[in-house]
N, C-alpha and C. Protein backbone atom coordinates (compact mmCIF):
# COMPACT_ATOMS: atom_id res chain seq x y z
N UNK A 1 -29.32 -49.12 153.67
CA UNK A 1 -30.25 -49.15 152.27
C UNK A 1 -30.99 -50.84 152.22
N UNK A 2 -32.36 -50.88 151.99
CA UNK A 2 -32.82 -52.39 151.95
C UNK A 2 -32.67 -52.57 150.49
N UNK A 3 -32.58 -53.96 150.47
CA UNK A 3 -32.67 -54.37 148.87
C UNK A 3 -33.72 -53.85 147.97
N UNK A 4 -34.93 -53.29 148.33
CA UNK A 4 -36.03 -52.78 147.85
C UNK A 4 -35.53 -51.60 147.37
N UNK A 5 -34.63 -50.84 148.10
CA UNK A 5 -34.57 -49.50 147.66
C UNK A 5 -33.11 -49.25 146.82
N UNK A 6 -32.52 -50.27 146.62
CA UNK A 6 -31.26 -50.11 145.58
C UNK A 6 -31.62 -50.36 144.28
N UNK A 7 -30.96 -49.47 143.65
CA UNK A 7 -31.56 -49.80 141.94
C UNK A 7 -30.68 -51.07 141.56
N UNK A 8 -31.27 -51.86 140.41
CA UNK A 8 -30.83 -53.11 140.07
C UNK A 8 -29.74 -52.63 139.06
N UNK A 9 -28.79 -53.62 139.47
CA UNK A 9 -27.30 -53.71 138.58
C UNK A 9 -27.46 -53.73 137.41
N UNK A 10 -26.74 -53.43 136.36
CA UNK A 10 -26.51 -53.14 135.13
C UNK A 10 -25.25 -54.46 134.83
N UNK A 11 -25.84 -55.07 134.09
CA UNK A 11 -25.08 -56.53 133.58
C UNK A 11 -23.77 -55.87 132.82
N UNK A 12 -22.74 -55.72 133.32
CA UNK A 12 -21.51 -55.54 132.53
C UNK A 12 -21.31 -56.45 130.96
N UNK A 13 -21.12 -55.78 130.22
CA UNK A 13 -20.60 -56.38 128.90
C UNK A 13 -19.61 -57.58 129.25
N UNK A 14 -20.23 -58.87 128.61
CA UNK A 14 -19.02 -60.13 129.07
C UNK A 14 -19.28 -60.71 130.01
N UNK A 15 -19.98 -60.17 131.10
CA UNK A 15 -20.15 -61.11 132.41
C UNK A 15 -21.11 -61.87 132.54
N UNK A 16 -22.53 -61.71 131.89
CA UNK A 16 -23.31 -62.58 131.73
C UNK A 16 -23.05 -63.82 131.45
N UNK A 17 -22.24 -64.21 130.37
CA UNK A 17 -21.86 -65.36 130.03
C UNK A 17 -21.16 -66.37 131.30
N UNK A 18 -20.09 -65.54 132.03
CA UNK A 18 -19.43 -65.92 133.11
C UNK A 18 -20.16 -66.45 133.94
N UNK A 19 -21.08 -65.57 134.69
CA UNK A 19 -22.20 -65.67 135.53
C UNK A 19 -23.06 -67.26 135.24
N UNK A 20 -23.56 -67.32 134.17
CA UNK A 20 -24.07 -68.15 133.78
C UNK A 20 -23.38 -69.67 133.88
N UNK A 21 -22.44 -69.55 133.13
CA UNK A 21 -21.51 -70.78 133.48
C UNK A 21 -21.12 -71.20 134.75
N UNK A 22 -20.91 -70.19 135.41
CA UNK A 22 -20.44 -70.37 137.15
C UNK A 22 -21.72 -70.92 137.61
N UNK A 23 -22.94 -70.47 137.09
CA UNK A 23 -24.16 -71.01 138.09
C UNK A 23 -24.10 -72.42 137.68
N UNK A 24 -23.99 -73.15 136.55
CA UNK A 24 -24.18 -74.32 135.76
C UNK A 24 -23.19 -75.11 136.44
N UNK A 25 -22.26 -74.58 136.67
CA UNK A 25 -20.82 -75.36 137.27
C UNK A 25 -21.13 -75.81 138.75
N UNK A 26 -21.67 -74.71 139.52
CA UNK A 26 -22.09 -74.80 140.98
C UNK A 26 -23.68 -75.86 141.14
N UNK A 27 -24.75 -75.48 140.26
CA UNK A 27 -25.82 -75.99 140.55
C UNK A 27 -26.28 -77.42 139.58
N UNK A 28 -25.00 -77.51 138.57
CA UNK A 28 -25.70 -78.89 137.58
C UNK A 28 -26.62 -78.05 136.80
N UNK A 29 -27.11 -79.09 135.80
CA UNK A 29 -28.25 -78.77 134.82
C UNK A 29 -29.39 -78.00 135.53
N UNK A 30 -29.63 -77.18 134.74
CA UNK A 30 -30.78 -76.04 135.03
C UNK A 30 -31.55 -75.61 133.90
N UNK A 31 -32.69 -75.23 133.83
CA UNK A 31 -33.57 -74.50 132.59
C UNK A 31 -33.35 -73.18 132.99
N UNK A 32 -33.78 -72.36 132.11
CA UNK A 32 -33.45 -70.84 132.00
C UNK A 32 -34.26 -70.16 133.28
N UNK A 33 -35.44 -70.43 133.52
CA UNK A 33 -35.79 -69.84 134.95
C UNK A 33 -35.04 -70.11 136.08
N UNK A 34 -34.81 -71.48 136.14
CA UNK A 34 -33.93 -71.74 137.53
C UNK A 34 -32.75 -70.76 137.38
N UNK A 35 -31.93 -70.78 136.10
CA UNK A 35 -30.77 -69.81 136.23
C UNK A 35 -31.16 -68.44 136.54
N UNK A 36 -32.21 -67.68 135.89
CA UNK A 36 -32.39 -66.65 136.31
C UNK A 36 -32.99 -66.51 137.69
N UNK A 37 -33.60 -67.45 138.41
CA UNK A 37 -33.96 -67.16 139.70
C UNK A 37 -32.63 -67.20 140.54
N UNK A 38 -31.89 -68.03 140.26
CA UNK A 38 -30.52 -68.19 141.19
C UNK A 38 -29.54 -67.22 140.82
N UNK A 39 -29.43 -66.35 139.79
CA UNK A 39 -28.89 -65.32 139.95
C UNK A 39 -29.42 -64.02 140.71
N UNK A 40 -30.66 -64.16 140.54
CA UNK A 40 -31.40 -63.04 141.50
C UNK A 40 -31.25 -63.32 142.83
N UNK A 41 -31.30 -64.45 143.60
CA UNK A 41 -31.00 -64.82 144.76
C UNK A 41 -29.60 -64.59 145.06
N UNK A 42 -28.54 -65.03 144.26
CA UNK A 42 -27.22 -64.76 144.35
C UNK A 42 -26.83 -63.12 144.45
N UNK A 43 -27.41 -62.60 143.85
CA UNK A 43 -27.19 -61.01 143.70
C UNK A 43 -28.16 -60.43 144.75
N UNK A 44 -28.81 -60.97 145.53
CA UNK A 44 -29.83 -60.22 146.47
C UNK A 44 -30.45 -59.17 145.85
N UNK A 45 -31.16 -59.90 144.70
CA UNK A 45 -32.26 -59.26 143.94
C UNK A 45 -31.58 -58.01 143.26
N UNK A 46 -30.68 -57.87 143.32
CA UNK A 46 -30.00 -56.78 142.04
C UNK A 46 -30.12 -57.19 140.75
N UNK A 47 -29.81 -58.44 140.27
CA UNK A 47 -29.96 -58.59 139.16
C UNK A 47 -31.31 -59.33 138.78
N UNK A 48 -32.13 -58.78 137.62
CA UNK A 48 -33.18 -59.40 137.09
C UNK A 48 -33.30 -59.46 135.88
N UNK A 49 -33.23 -60.67 135.24
CA UNK A 49 -32.88 -60.56 133.91
C UNK A 49 -34.24 -61.37 133.21
N UNK A 50 -34.48 -60.52 132.06
CA UNK A 50 -35.63 -60.89 131.22
C UNK A 50 -35.02 -62.09 130.49
N UNK A 51 -36.06 -62.51 129.77
CA UNK A 51 -35.90 -63.40 128.62
C UNK A 51 -35.03 -62.77 127.33
N UNK A 52 -35.46 -61.67 127.01
CA UNK A 52 -34.63 -60.86 126.27
C UNK A 52 -32.92 -60.92 126.32
N UNK A 53 -32.41 -60.88 127.67
CA UNK A 53 -31.35 -60.86 128.05
C UNK A 53 -30.78 -62.19 128.09
N UNK A 54 -31.47 -63.06 128.66
CA UNK A 54 -30.89 -64.25 129.38
C UNK A 54 -30.75 -65.39 127.97
N UNK A 55 -32.00 -65.51 127.29
CA UNK A 55 -31.92 -66.47 126.22
C UNK A 55 -30.83 -66.30 125.29
N UNK A 56 -30.70 -64.78 124.64
CA UNK A 56 -29.72 -65.06 123.67
C UNK A 56 -28.15 -65.25 124.17
N UNK A 57 -28.21 -65.09 125.37
CA UNK A 57 -26.65 -65.71 126.32
C UNK A 57 -26.53 -67.18 126.32
N UNK A 58 -27.89 -67.97 126.58
CA UNK A 58 -27.74 -69.16 126.33
C UNK A 58 -27.40 -69.64 125.20
N UNK A 59 -28.27 -69.09 124.05
CA UNK A 59 -27.89 -69.46 122.58
C UNK A 59 -26.66 -69.34 122.33
N UNK A 60 -25.82 -68.13 122.64
CA UNK A 60 -24.49 -67.74 122.35
C UNK A 60 -23.67 -69.09 123.18
N UNK A 61 -23.71 -69.46 124.14
CA UNK A 61 -23.08 -70.32 125.09
C UNK A 61 -22.95 -71.64 124.17
N UNK A 62 -24.32 -72.14 123.88
CA UNK A 62 -24.37 -73.26 123.33
C UNK A 62 -23.66 -73.38 122.02
N UNK A 63 -23.67 -71.97 121.25
CA UNK A 63 -23.10 -71.87 119.93
C UNK A 63 -21.47 -72.26 119.97
N UNK A 64 -21.14 -71.66 121.09
CA UNK A 64 -19.59 -71.88 121.47
C UNK A 64 -19.25 -73.37 121.80
N UNK A 65 -20.15 -74.02 122.22
CA UNK A 65 -19.94 -75.32 122.75
C UNK A 65 -19.77 -75.46 124.16
N UNK A 66 -19.96 -74.42 124.90
CA UNK A 66 -19.75 -74.46 126.29
C UNK A 66 -20.61 -74.76 127.10
N UNK A 67 -21.97 -74.96 126.71
CA UNK A 67 -23.06 -75.48 127.29
C UNK A 67 -23.59 -76.28 126.47
N UNK A 68 -24.53 -77.21 126.86
CA UNK A 68 -25.39 -78.22 125.93
C UNK A 68 -26.60 -78.18 126.72
N UNK A 69 -27.62 -78.09 125.77
CA UNK A 69 -29.18 -78.07 126.15
C UNK A 69 -29.81 -79.23 125.48
N UNK A 70 -30.63 -79.89 126.66
CA UNK A 70 -31.59 -81.03 126.24
C UNK A 70 -32.95 -80.80 126.78
N UNK A 71 -33.93 -81.35 126.11
CA UNK A 71 -35.24 -81.38 126.55
C UNK A 71 -35.32 -82.00 127.56
N UNK A 72 -36.32 -81.54 128.54
CA UNK A 72 -37.00 -82.51 129.91
C UNK A 72 -37.92 -81.95 130.39
N UNK A 73 -38.32 -82.46 131.46
CA UNK A 73 -39.67 -81.87 132.39
C UNK A 73 -38.97 -81.46 133.63
N UNK A 74 -39.71 -80.54 133.84
CA UNK A 74 -39.24 -79.46 135.07
C UNK A 74 -40.06 -80.30 136.27
N UNK A 75 -40.07 -79.90 137.64
CA UNK A 75 -40.54 -80.16 138.79
C UNK A 75 -42.25 -80.04 138.69
N UNK A 76 -42.55 -79.14 137.83
CA UNK A 76 -44.13 -78.82 137.65
C UNK A 76 -44.49 -79.58 136.24
N UNK A 77 -43.82 -80.68 135.92
CA UNK A 77 -44.02 -81.52 134.47
C UNK A 77 -44.29 -80.65 133.30
N UNK A 78 -43.61 -79.51 133.06
CA UNK A 78 -43.55 -78.73 132.15
C UNK A 78 -42.44 -78.97 131.05
N UNK A 79 -42.21 -79.24 129.82
CA UNK A 79 -41.20 -79.20 128.98
C UNK A 79 -40.19 -77.98 129.12
N UNK A 80 -39.29 -78.18 129.21
CA UNK A 80 -37.89 -77.28 129.18
C UNK A 80 -36.71 -77.46 128.88
N UNK A 81 -35.90 -76.59 128.23
CA UNK A 81 -34.49 -76.81 128.02
C UNK A 81 -33.51 -76.74 129.30
N UNK A 82 -33.12 -77.93 129.68
CA UNK A 82 -31.84 -77.77 130.56
C UNK A 82 -30.47 -77.90 130.07
N UNK A 83 -29.89 -77.05 130.89
CA UNK A 83 -28.64 -76.37 130.13
C UNK A 83 -27.32 -77.00 131.06
N UNK A 84 -26.43 -77.58 130.70
CA UNK A 84 -25.35 -78.02 131.48
C UNK A 84 -24.00 -77.74 131.03
N UNK A 85 -22.93 -77.50 131.61
CA UNK A 85 -21.70 -76.89 131.06
C UNK A 85 -20.77 -78.00 130.38
N UNK A 86 -20.19 -77.83 129.55
CA UNK A 86 -19.48 -79.10 128.72
C UNK A 86 -18.04 -79.06 129.31
N UNK A 87 -17.31 -79.91 128.80
CA UNK A 87 -15.99 -79.98 129.07
C UNK A 87 -15.22 -78.70 128.58
N UNK A 88 -15.55 -78.39 127.38
CA UNK A 88 -14.98 -77.13 126.92
C UNK A 88 -15.44 -75.89 127.75
N UNK A 89 -16.45 -75.85 128.15
CA UNK A 89 -17.26 -74.81 128.79
C UNK A 89 -16.40 -74.75 130.20
N UNK A 90 -15.99 -75.71 130.67
CA UNK A 90 -15.29 -75.93 132.09
C UNK A 90 -14.00 -75.01 131.84
N UNK A 91 -13.46 -75.18 130.76
CA UNK A 91 -12.17 -74.82 130.47
C UNK A 91 -12.42 -73.24 130.18
N UNK A 92 -13.13 -72.99 129.18
CA UNK A 92 -13.68 -71.57 129.12
C UNK A 92 -14.03 -70.72 130.35
N UNK A 93 -14.74 -71.33 131.42
CA UNK A 93 -14.85 -70.73 132.41
C UNK A 93 -13.91 -70.52 133.48
N UNK A 94 -12.96 -71.48 133.34
CA UNK A 94 -11.40 -71.11 134.01
C UNK A 94 -10.75 -70.19 133.20
N UNK A 95 -10.51 -69.93 132.22
CA UNK A 95 -10.19 -69.02 131.55
C UNK A 95 -10.85 -67.72 131.94
N UNK A 96 -11.99 -67.48 131.60
CA UNK A 96 -12.78 -66.30 131.51
C UNK A 96 -13.01 -65.80 133.12
N UNK A 97 -12.75 -66.70 134.04
CA UNK A 97 -12.70 -66.40 135.41
C UNK A 97 -11.20 -65.57 135.76
N UNK A 98 -10.50 -65.99 135.47
CA UNK A 98 -9.01 -65.78 135.78
C UNK A 98 -8.85 -64.04 134.88
N UNK A 99 -9.24 -64.20 133.67
CA UNK A 99 -9.38 -62.85 132.88
C UNK A 99 -10.35 -61.77 133.53
N UNK A 100 -11.39 -61.99 134.19
CA UNK A 100 -12.35 -61.33 134.88
C UNK A 100 -11.71 -60.75 136.20
N UNK A 101 -11.11 -61.68 136.84
CA UNK A 101 -10.16 -61.33 138.17
C UNK A 101 -9.11 -60.38 137.80
N UNK A 102 -8.56 -60.46 136.83
CA UNK A 102 -7.33 -59.66 136.35
C UNK A 102 -7.85 -58.17 136.15
N UNK A 103 -8.75 -58.10 135.18
CA UNK A 103 -9.54 -56.90 134.98
C UNK A 103 -10.17 -56.26 136.12
N UNK A 104 -10.43 -57.00 137.13
CA UNK A 104 -11.16 -56.25 138.27
C UNK A 104 -10.17 -55.73 139.27
N UNK A 105 -9.12 -56.27 139.15
CA UNK A 105 -8.02 -55.94 140.07
C UNK A 105 -7.18 -54.73 139.42
N UNK A 106 -7.37 -54.54 138.03
CA UNK A 106 -6.63 -53.58 137.42
C UNK A 106 -7.66 -52.31 137.77
N UNK A 107 -9.09 -52.48 137.38
CA UNK A 107 -10.06 -51.42 137.86
C UNK A 107 -9.64 -50.92 139.27
N UNK A 108 -9.83 -52.04 140.10
CA UNK A 108 -9.40 -51.72 141.63
C UNK A 108 -8.29 -50.85 141.82
N UNK A 109 -7.31 -50.99 141.13
CA UNK A 109 -6.01 -50.07 141.50
C UNK A 109 -6.45 -48.89 141.12
N UNK A 110 -6.86 -48.38 139.85
CA UNK A 110 -7.29 -47.06 139.47
C UNK A 110 -8.18 -46.66 140.38
N UNK A 111 -9.15 -47.15 141.03
CA UNK A 111 -10.34 -46.70 141.88
C UNK A 111 -9.62 -46.25 143.35
N UNK A 112 -8.66 -46.92 143.44
CA UNK A 112 -8.05 -46.89 144.72
C UNK A 112 -6.74 -45.74 144.83
N UNK A 113 -6.38 -45.53 143.45
CA UNK A 113 -5.34 -44.34 143.36
C UNK A 113 -5.62 -43.12 144.01
N UNK A 114 -4.85 -42.45 144.95
CA UNK A 114 -5.17 -41.07 145.55
C UNK A 114 -5.21 -39.90 144.24
N UNK A 115 -6.17 -39.33 144.79
CA UNK A 115 -6.45 -38.09 143.54
C UNK A 115 -5.41 -36.98 143.89
C-alpha cells in the first residue's frame, strides 16, 4: 500500500507534546511550519498537523516551561516564532519518553496475547 493510499494517523492524546519536544531536541530551534513539515516527513506523510492542532501544543509546552519561543526571521525573511527545548524540557522529554515506552510495551503485551 503506498503512502497515498494510507489513512492519515490520528495523534494519540499526550503524544503530540512528546514528538514536538523530540523534534526540537533533534533539529534545534524551529518555527511551527518547520516542525509540522518535519513531523510529516518522519511519519512518511501519515501525520498532517493543522494550525489548530500544533499551535495549542506549542503554547502549552511554552506555558509548562518546556520550550521557549523567540521571534526571528525565516530563510524567506518572514517573521516567525522559533521554538527551542529548555533545560526543563529536556528533563520532561526524558521522563515522557520513558513513560511512553512503558505504556507502549504494556499495550504490545495485550496485543500479543493469545486469544
